[in-house]
N, C-alpha and C. Protein backbone atom coordinates (compact mmCIF):
# COMPACT_ATOMS: atom_id res chain seq x y z
N MET A 1 8.76 -54.24 -25.34
CA MET A 1 7.76 -53.19 -25.29
C MET A 1 7.16 -53.01 -26.68
N VAL A 2 5.88 -52.79 -26.70
CA VAL A 2 5.17 -52.57 -27.96
C VAL A 2 5.36 -51.12 -28.40
N PRO A 3 5.70 -50.90 -29.67
CA PRO A 3 5.86 -49.52 -30.16
C PRO A 3 4.56 -48.73 -30.01
N ASN A 4 4.69 -47.45 -29.80
CA ASN A 4 3.51 -46.60 -29.61
C ASN A 4 2.50 -46.72 -30.73
N TYR A 5 2.97 -46.85 -31.97
CA TYR A 5 2.03 -46.88 -33.09
C TYR A 5 1.22 -48.18 -33.15
N LEU A 6 1.59 -49.17 -32.34
CA LEU A 6 0.82 -50.41 -32.31
C LEU A 6 -0.03 -50.56 -31.05
N ARG A 7 0.07 -49.63 -30.15
CA ARG A 7 -0.73 -49.72 -28.94
C ARG A 7 -2.20 -49.51 -29.29
N ILE A 8 -3.02 -50.31 -28.69
CA ILE A 8 -4.45 -50.27 -29.01
C ILE A 8 -5.10 -49.10 -28.27
N ARG A 9 -5.83 -48.31 -29.02
CA ARG A 9 -6.62 -47.23 -28.44
C ARG A 9 -7.97 -47.80 -28.01
N ILE A 10 -8.83 -46.94 -27.54
CA ILE A 10 -10.19 -47.37 -27.26
C ILE A 10 -10.80 -47.79 -28.59
N PRO A 11 -11.28 -49.02 -28.69
CA PRO A 11 -11.81 -49.51 -29.97
C PRO A 11 -12.97 -48.65 -30.48
N GLU A 12 -13.00 -48.48 -31.77
CA GLU A 12 -14.07 -47.72 -32.42
C GLU A 12 -14.57 -48.54 -33.60
N LEU A 13 -15.84 -48.89 -33.58
CA LEU A 13 -16.43 -49.64 -34.68
C LEU A 13 -16.72 -48.66 -35.81
N VAL A 14 -16.00 -48.84 -36.90
CA VAL A 14 -16.11 -47.92 -38.03
C VAL A 14 -17.00 -48.49 -39.12
N TYR A 15 -16.93 -49.80 -39.31
CA TYR A 15 -17.67 -50.43 -40.39
C TYR A 15 -18.20 -51.77 -39.93
N LYS A 16 -19.45 -52.02 -40.20
CA LYS A 16 -20.07 -53.31 -39.89
C LYS A 16 -20.91 -53.69 -41.11
N ALA A 17 -20.53 -54.77 -41.77
CA ALA A 17 -21.17 -55.15 -43.04
C ALA A 17 -22.68 -55.34 -42.89
N SER A 18 -23.13 -55.95 -41.82
CA SER A 18 -24.56 -56.17 -41.65
C SER A 18 -25.32 -54.85 -41.46
N ARG A 19 -24.64 -53.82 -41.05
CA ARG A 19 -25.25 -52.50 -40.87
C ARG A 19 -24.99 -51.60 -42.07
N ASP A 20 -23.74 -51.65 -42.59
CA ASP A 20 -23.30 -50.69 -43.62
C ASP A 20 -23.33 -51.25 -45.04
N GLY A 21 -23.54 -52.55 -45.17
CA GLY A 21 -23.60 -53.16 -46.49
C GLY A 21 -22.36 -53.97 -46.80
N TYR A 22 -22.54 -54.98 -47.60
CA TYR A 22 -21.46 -55.89 -47.99
C TYR A 22 -20.82 -55.37 -49.27
N ASN A 23 -20.05 -54.30 -49.13
CA ASN A 23 -19.50 -53.62 -50.29
C ASN A 23 -18.12 -53.08 -49.94
N LEU A 24 -17.10 -53.51 -50.69
CA LEU A 24 -15.73 -53.08 -50.40
C LEU A 24 -15.55 -51.58 -50.58
N SER A 25 -16.22 -51.00 -51.55
CA SER A 25 -16.14 -49.54 -51.75
C SER A 25 -16.68 -48.79 -50.54
N LYS A 26 -17.74 -49.30 -49.95
CA LYS A 26 -18.32 -48.68 -48.76
C LYS A 26 -17.35 -48.81 -47.57
N LEU A 27 -16.71 -49.98 -47.44
CA LEU A 27 -15.70 -50.16 -46.40
C LEU A 27 -14.61 -49.11 -46.54
N TYR A 28 -14.09 -48.96 -47.76
CA TYR A 28 -13.03 -47.97 -48.00
C TYR A 28 -13.49 -46.56 -47.65
N SER A 29 -14.69 -46.18 -48.06
CA SER A 29 -15.15 -44.81 -47.79
C SER A 29 -15.35 -44.57 -46.29
N GLU A 30 -15.77 -45.59 -45.55
CA GLU A 30 -15.96 -45.44 -44.11
C GLU A 30 -14.63 -45.38 -43.36
N THR A 31 -13.62 -46.11 -43.82
CA THR A 31 -12.34 -46.14 -43.11
C THR A 31 -11.37 -45.06 -43.57
N GLU A 32 -11.57 -44.51 -44.75
CA GLU A 32 -10.63 -43.54 -45.31
C GLU A 32 -10.44 -42.31 -44.43
N GLU A 33 -11.49 -41.86 -43.79
CA GLU A 33 -11.38 -40.67 -42.94
C GLU A 33 -10.52 -40.92 -41.69
N HIS A 34 -10.24 -42.18 -41.38
CA HIS A 34 -9.42 -42.52 -40.22
C HIS A 34 -7.97 -42.82 -40.58
N ALA A 35 -7.66 -42.80 -41.85
CA ALA A 35 -6.32 -43.21 -42.32
C ALA A 35 -5.20 -42.32 -41.79
N GLU A 36 -5.46 -41.06 -41.58
CA GLU A 36 -4.42 -40.15 -41.10
C GLU A 36 -4.24 -40.19 -39.59
N SER A 37 -5.26 -40.60 -38.85
CA SER A 37 -5.17 -40.56 -37.39
C SER A 37 -4.88 -41.92 -36.75
N TYR A 38 -4.97 -43.00 -37.52
CA TYR A 38 -4.68 -44.33 -37.00
C TYR A 38 -3.55 -44.95 -37.80
N TYR A 39 -2.68 -45.68 -37.12
CA TYR A 39 -1.55 -46.32 -37.77
C TYR A 39 -1.79 -47.81 -38.03
N SER A 40 -2.83 -48.35 -37.45
CA SER A 40 -3.13 -49.76 -37.63
C SER A 40 -4.64 -49.95 -37.57
N CYS A 41 -5.06 -51.15 -37.93
CA CYS A 41 -6.48 -51.44 -37.98
C CYS A 41 -6.70 -52.90 -37.62
N LEU A 42 -7.62 -53.16 -36.75
CA LEU A 42 -7.98 -54.53 -36.39
C LEU A 42 -9.23 -54.90 -37.18
N VAL A 43 -9.13 -55.97 -37.97
CA VAL A 43 -10.24 -56.44 -38.78
C VAL A 43 -10.71 -57.75 -38.18
N LEU A 44 -11.99 -57.82 -37.82
CA LEU A 44 -12.58 -59.04 -37.29
C LEU A 44 -13.69 -59.48 -38.22
N ILE A 45 -13.75 -60.78 -38.47
CA ILE A 45 -14.75 -61.33 -39.38
C ILE A 45 -15.43 -62.51 -38.69
N ARG A 46 -16.77 -62.54 -38.77
CA ARG A 46 -17.52 -63.69 -38.26
C ARG A 46 -18.21 -64.32 -39.46
N ASP A 47 -17.97 -65.60 -39.66
CA ASP A 47 -18.57 -66.27 -40.82
C ASP A 47 -19.96 -66.79 -40.49
N THR A 48 -20.59 -67.44 -41.46
CA THR A 48 -21.96 -67.90 -41.28
C THR A 48 -22.09 -69.02 -40.25
N ASP A 49 -20.97 -69.65 -39.88
CA ASP A 49 -20.98 -70.67 -38.83
C ASP A 49 -20.58 -70.10 -37.47
N SER A 50 -20.51 -68.78 -37.37
CA SER A 50 -20.15 -68.04 -36.15
C SER A 50 -18.70 -68.21 -35.74
N ASN A 51 -17.84 -68.65 -36.66
CA ASN A 51 -16.40 -68.65 -36.40
C ASN A 51 -15.89 -67.23 -36.55
N VAL A 52 -14.98 -66.83 -35.66
CA VAL A 52 -14.43 -65.48 -35.69
C VAL A 52 -12.94 -65.55 -35.96
N PHE A 53 -12.48 -64.73 -36.89
CA PHE A 53 -11.06 -64.63 -37.18
C PHE A 53 -10.76 -63.20 -37.56
N GLY A 54 -9.49 -62.86 -37.63
CA GLY A 54 -9.16 -61.48 -37.94
C GLY A 54 -7.70 -61.27 -38.21
N ALA A 55 -7.36 -60.01 -38.34
CA ALA A 55 -5.97 -59.62 -38.62
C ALA A 55 -5.73 -58.21 -38.10
N LEU A 56 -4.50 -57.98 -37.67
CA LEU A 56 -4.06 -56.64 -37.32
C LEU A 56 -3.29 -56.10 -38.52
N LEU A 57 -3.84 -55.08 -39.16
CA LEU A 57 -3.21 -54.48 -40.33
C LEU A 57 -2.32 -53.33 -39.90
N ASP A 58 -1.22 -53.13 -40.60
CA ASP A 58 -0.32 -52.02 -40.26
C ASP A 58 -0.73 -50.73 -40.95
N THR A 59 -1.91 -50.71 -41.52
CA THR A 59 -2.46 -49.51 -42.14
C THR A 59 -3.99 -49.61 -42.14
N VAL A 60 -4.63 -48.51 -42.34
CA VAL A 60 -6.10 -48.49 -42.44
C VAL A 60 -6.47 -48.72 -43.90
N PRO A 61 -7.39 -49.63 -44.19
CA PRO A 61 -7.77 -49.88 -45.59
C PRO A 61 -8.35 -48.65 -46.25
N THR A 62 -7.82 -48.31 -47.42
CA THR A 62 -8.37 -47.22 -48.22
C THR A 62 -8.30 -47.62 -49.68
N SER A 63 -8.99 -46.89 -50.51
CA SER A 63 -8.99 -47.18 -51.94
C SER A 63 -7.80 -46.51 -52.65
N LYS A 64 -7.09 -45.64 -51.93
CA LYS A 64 -5.96 -44.94 -52.52
C LYS A 64 -4.72 -45.83 -52.56
N LEU A 65 -4.03 -45.82 -53.68
CA LEU A 65 -2.77 -46.55 -53.79
C LEU A 65 -1.64 -45.59 -53.47
N HIS A 66 -0.74 -46.01 -52.60
CA HIS A 66 0.39 -45.18 -52.20
C HIS A 66 1.64 -45.68 -52.91
N SER A 67 2.37 -44.78 -53.52
CA SER A 67 3.63 -45.18 -54.17
C SER A 67 4.80 -44.72 -53.32
N ALA A 68 5.86 -45.51 -53.36
CA ALA A 68 7.05 -45.21 -52.56
C ALA A 68 7.95 -44.24 -53.27
């Protein structure tokens, strides 16, 4: 069984580089507001040859560094 924190919710497009800009700081600012309510993040990338790849992250990307 998949743990609850990894179950996929209804997908929500938070950041799209072609719409929001090709800027890592912008990505962080768009995703930061979701960091407390989501436990994971699916990142999908399509390259210039239309190949699609991605990763399931165990956290939402933010510019904040967390110390243990």
